[in-house]
Amino acid sequence: MRWYLIHTKPAREALAQTHLQHQGYELYLPRVLQSVRRRGRCRESITPLFPRYLFLRLSEGHQALSPVLSSRGVAGVVRFGASYAIVPDRIIAELRHRADPQSGLHRLMDPPSFVRGAAVHVTAGPFEGLTGVFERAAGSARVVVLLNLLGQEAPVRIPVDFVLPGYAA
C-alpha cells in the first residue's frame, strides 16, 4: 500500500474524490475551516488544505493507477521525472493527527495581532534579524514595519509570516 499525490482540476477535488472512491480507491482530502471575507462579511468556509491536490492510497498489484488518470476531476498524478511521487505514510498520519478529531477539519492559526507602535522582530527574508516598529497592516498577507536602515527609519512592506511581536533575545 502506497500513497500517491493526485493533481485535480481547479476546484474539483471533491468531484475527483467521489469518482475515485466509487472505483474502490482509498482517498484522503484534508480540508480546512477558515474565515473568508465576502461582500464585506466574514464567514467560515471549508476548503481543501492543499487546493488542487488529494492523496490516493493504492494497493499495488491489485489496483492500477491508469484508471485514475481518466477519472472525472483528475488532472494527473504528480511525478518527479518518470517516477510517481510517493507520499510517506507518516505524512498522512501526521496530517490526520493534526485534524480536529470530531470534524476531521484542520484549523489554520491566525497570524499574530500587532499593535501600532509595538516592537516587532523580522524572522525571515532580506531583513531577517532586524527589529522594528509595527506601523500598519498592508492587506491580508503583509504588514508595514518601520526599520532603521542606514540611520533612517524606513517603512518596509514585509509578509506577515516573517514578523513576530517583540524583540528576539
Protein backbone atom coordinates (compact mmCIF):
# COMPACT_ATOMS: atom_id res chain seq x y z
CA MET A 1 0.00 0.00 0.00
CA ARG A 2 1.42 3.38 -1.04
CA TRP A 3 0.09 6.93 -1.01
CA TYR A 4 0.22 8.93 -4.25
CA LEU A 5 -0.40 12.62 -4.79
CA ILE A 6 -3.23 13.35 -7.22
CA HIS A 7 -3.41 16.71 -9.01
CA THR A 8 -7.00 17.72 -9.66
CA LYS A 9 -8.64 20.17 -12.00
CA PRO A 10 -9.33 23.61 -10.44
CA ALA A 11 -11.93 23.39 -7.65
CA ARG A 12 -12.67 19.74 -8.49
CA GLU A 13 -11.10 17.99 -5.50
CA ALA A 14 -14.45 16.75 -4.16
CA LEU A 15 -15.59 15.57 -7.62
CA ALA A 16 -12.36 13.63 -8.10
CA GLN A 17 -12.67 12.19 -4.59
CA THR A 18 -16.22 10.97 -5.21
CA HIS A 19 -15.40 9.33 -8.55
CA LEU A 20 -12.23 7.69 -7.28
CA GLN A 21 -14.00 6.33 -4.19
CA HIS A 22 -16.66 4.78 -6.44
CA GLN A 23 -13.80 2.97 -8.20
CA GLY A 24 -12.63 1.50 -4.88
CA TYR A 25 -9.64 3.72 -4.13
CA GLU A 26 -8.85 4.91 -0.61
CA LEU A 27 -8.50 8.71 -0.54
CA TYR A 28 -7.63 11.45 1.87
CA LEU A 29 -8.64 15.04 1.17
CA PRO A 30 -7.53 17.21 4.10
CA ARG A 31 -9.85 20.17 4.50
CA VAL A 32 -9.51 23.37 6.48
CA LEU A 33 -12.04 25.59 8.21
CA GLN A 34 -11.10 29.19 7.58
CA SER A 35 -12.65 32.62 7.74
CA VAL A 36 -13.26 34.26 4.39
CA ARG A 37 -14.46 37.77 3.65
CA ARG A 38 -17.15 38.07 1.01
CA ARG A 39 -19.13 41.21 0.31
CA GLY A 40 -17.74 42.81 3.44
CA ARG A 41 -18.82 39.96 5.72
CA CYS A 42 -16.69 37.33 7.41
CA ARG A 43 -17.93 33.78 7.36
CA GLU A 44 -16.39 30.37 7.78
CA SER A 45 -15.78 28.19 4.78
CA ILE A 46 -14.50 24.65 4.34
CA THR A 47 -11.85 24.41 1.63
CA PRO A 48 -9.10 21.92 0.73
CA LEU A 49 -5.95 22.32 2.83
CA PHE A 50 -3.95 21.79 -0.36
CA PRO A 51 -6.01 23.25 -3.24
CA ARG A 52 -5.98 21.02 -6.35
CA TYR A 53 -4.42 18.05 -4.53
CA LEU A 54 -5.62 14.92 -2.77
CA PHE A 55 -3.94 11.75 -1.58
CA LEU A 56 -4.74 8.31 -3.02
CA ARG A 57 -3.73 5.02 -1.41
CA LEU A 58 -3.10 2.26 -3.89
CA SER A 59 -2.86 -1.44 -3.25
CA GLU A 60 -0.05 -2.25 -5.66
CA GLY A 61 -0.64 -5.41 -7.62
CA HIS A 62 -4.41 -5.21 -7.01
CA GLN A 63 -5.18 -1.70 -8.28
CA ALA A 64 -3.76 0.27 -11.19
CA LEU A 65 -3.07 3.99 -11.50
CA SER A 66 -4.17 4.16 -15.15
CA PRO A 67 -7.94 4.47 -14.37
CA VAL A 68 -7.13 7.38 -12.06
CA LEU A 69 -5.84 9.43 -14.99
CA SER A 70 -9.17 9.28 -16.81
CA SER A 71 -11.36 9.90 -13.75
CA ARG A 72 -13.55 13.00 -13.61
CA GLY A 73 -11.89 15.91 -11.85
CA VAL A 74 -8.37 14.46 -12.10
CA ALA A 75 -5.70 16.40 -13.97
CA GLY A 76 -2.94 13.86 -13.34
CA VAL A 77 -0.73 12.06 -10.88
CA VAL A 78 2.22 14.07 -9.57
CA ARG A 79 5.55 12.82 -10.92
CA PHE A 80 9.20 13.59 -10.46
CA GLY A 81 10.66 12.75 -13.82
CA ALA A 82 9.44 9.28 -14.80
CA SER A 83 8.59 8.26 -11.23
CA TYR A 84 5.31 8.91 -9.46
CA ALA A 85 5.59 10.93 -6.24
CA ILE A 86 5.17 8.60 -3.25
CA VAL A 87 3.92 10.22 -0.04
CA PRO A 88 5.28 8.53 3.12
CA ASP A 89 2.65 7.01 5.45
CA ARG A 90 3.94 9.17 8.32
CA ILE A 91 2.96 12.36 6.43
CA ILE A 92 -0.64 11.18 6.07
CA ALA A 93 -0.68 10.01 9.70
CA GLU A 94 0.61 13.41 10.87
CA LEU A 95 -1.98 15.28 8.79
CA ARG A 96 -4.75 13.12 10.24
CA HIS A 97 -3.38 13.59 13.75
CA ARG A 98 -3.42 17.39 13.38
CA ALA A 99 -7.05 17.44 12.23
CA ASP A 100 -9.90 18.01 14.69
CA PRO A 101 -10.96 14.56 16.00
CA GLN A 102 -14.71 15.29 15.68
CA SER A 103 -14.95 17.14 12.38
CA GLY A 104 -11.77 15.96 10.66
CA LEU A 105 -11.08 19.58 9.70
CA HIS A 106 -7.82 21.45 10.09
CA ARG A 107 -7.64 24.95 11.53
CA LEU A 108 -5.06 27.45 10.39
CA MET A 109 -3.52 29.54 13.11
CA ASP A 110 -4.46 33.20 12.97
CA PRO A 111 -1.49 35.48 12.37
CA PRO A 112 -0.32 37.28 15.49
CA SER A 113 -2.10 40.55 16.11
CA PHE A 114 0.07 43.62 16.12
CA VAL A 115 -0.48 46.99 17.80
CA ARG A 116 0.67 50.17 16.09
CA GLY A 117 3.93 51.30 17.66
CA ALA A 118 4.73 47.86 19.12
CA ALA A 119 8.18 46.34 18.74
CA VAL A 120 8.50 43.53 16.18
CA HIS A 121 11.23 41.16 15.08
CA VAL A 122 11.78 40.09 11.45
CA THR A 123 12.36 36.33 11.35
CA ALA A 124 12.90 35.70 7.61
CA GLY A 125 13.62 37.34 4.29
CA PRO A 126 16.19 40.02 3.41
CA PHE A 127 15.60 41.87 6.70
CA GLU A 128 15.90 38.77 8.89
CA GLY A 129 17.28 39.52 12.35
CA LEU A 130 16.28 43.19 12.34
CA THR A 131 13.91 44.72 14.86
CA GLY A 132 11.49 47.49 14.10
CA VAL A 133 8.20 49.12 14.93
CA PHE A 134 4.85 47.91 13.60
CA GLU A 135 3.11 50.64 11.63
CA ARG A 136 0.08 49.06 9.93
CA ALA A 137 -1.35 46.10 8.04
CA ALA A 138 -0.96 46.23 4.27
CA GLY A 139 -3.61 43.80 3.08
CA SER A 140 -4.19 40.34 4.48
CA ALA A 141 -0.69 38.98 3.90
CA ARG A 142 1.68 41.91 4.50
CA VAL A 143 2.50 44.48 7.16
CA VAL A 144 4.39 47.76 7.10
CA VAL A 145 7.23 47.88 9.60
CA LEU A 146 9.48 50.85 10.33
CA LEU A 147 13.08 49.61 10.18
CA ASN A 148 16.21 51.57 10.99
CA LEU A 149 18.15 51.35 7.72
CA LEU A 150 21.33 53.38 7.27
CA GLY A 151 20.45 55.60 10.23
CA GLN A 152 16.95 56.44 8.98
CA GLU A 153 13.58 54.93 9.78
CA ALA A 154 12.14 53.50 6.58
CA PRO A 155 8.72 51.90 6.08
CA VAL A 156 9.13 48.39 4.64
CA ARG A 157 6.39 46.01 3.47
CA ILE A 158 7.03 42.51 4.79
CA PRO A 159 4.97 39.29 4.61
CA VAL A 160 3.10 38.92 7.92
CA ASP A 161 4.59 35.40 8.28
CA PHE A 162 8.08 36.95 8.50
CA VAL A 163 7.28 39.10 11.56
CA LEU A 164 6.82 38.24 15.23
CA PRO A 165 5.77 40.59 18.05
CA GLY A 166 8.53 41.74 20.40
CA TYR A 167 12.30 41.60 20.23
CA ALA A 168 14.21 38.35 19.89
CA ALA A 169 16.61 37.53 22.67
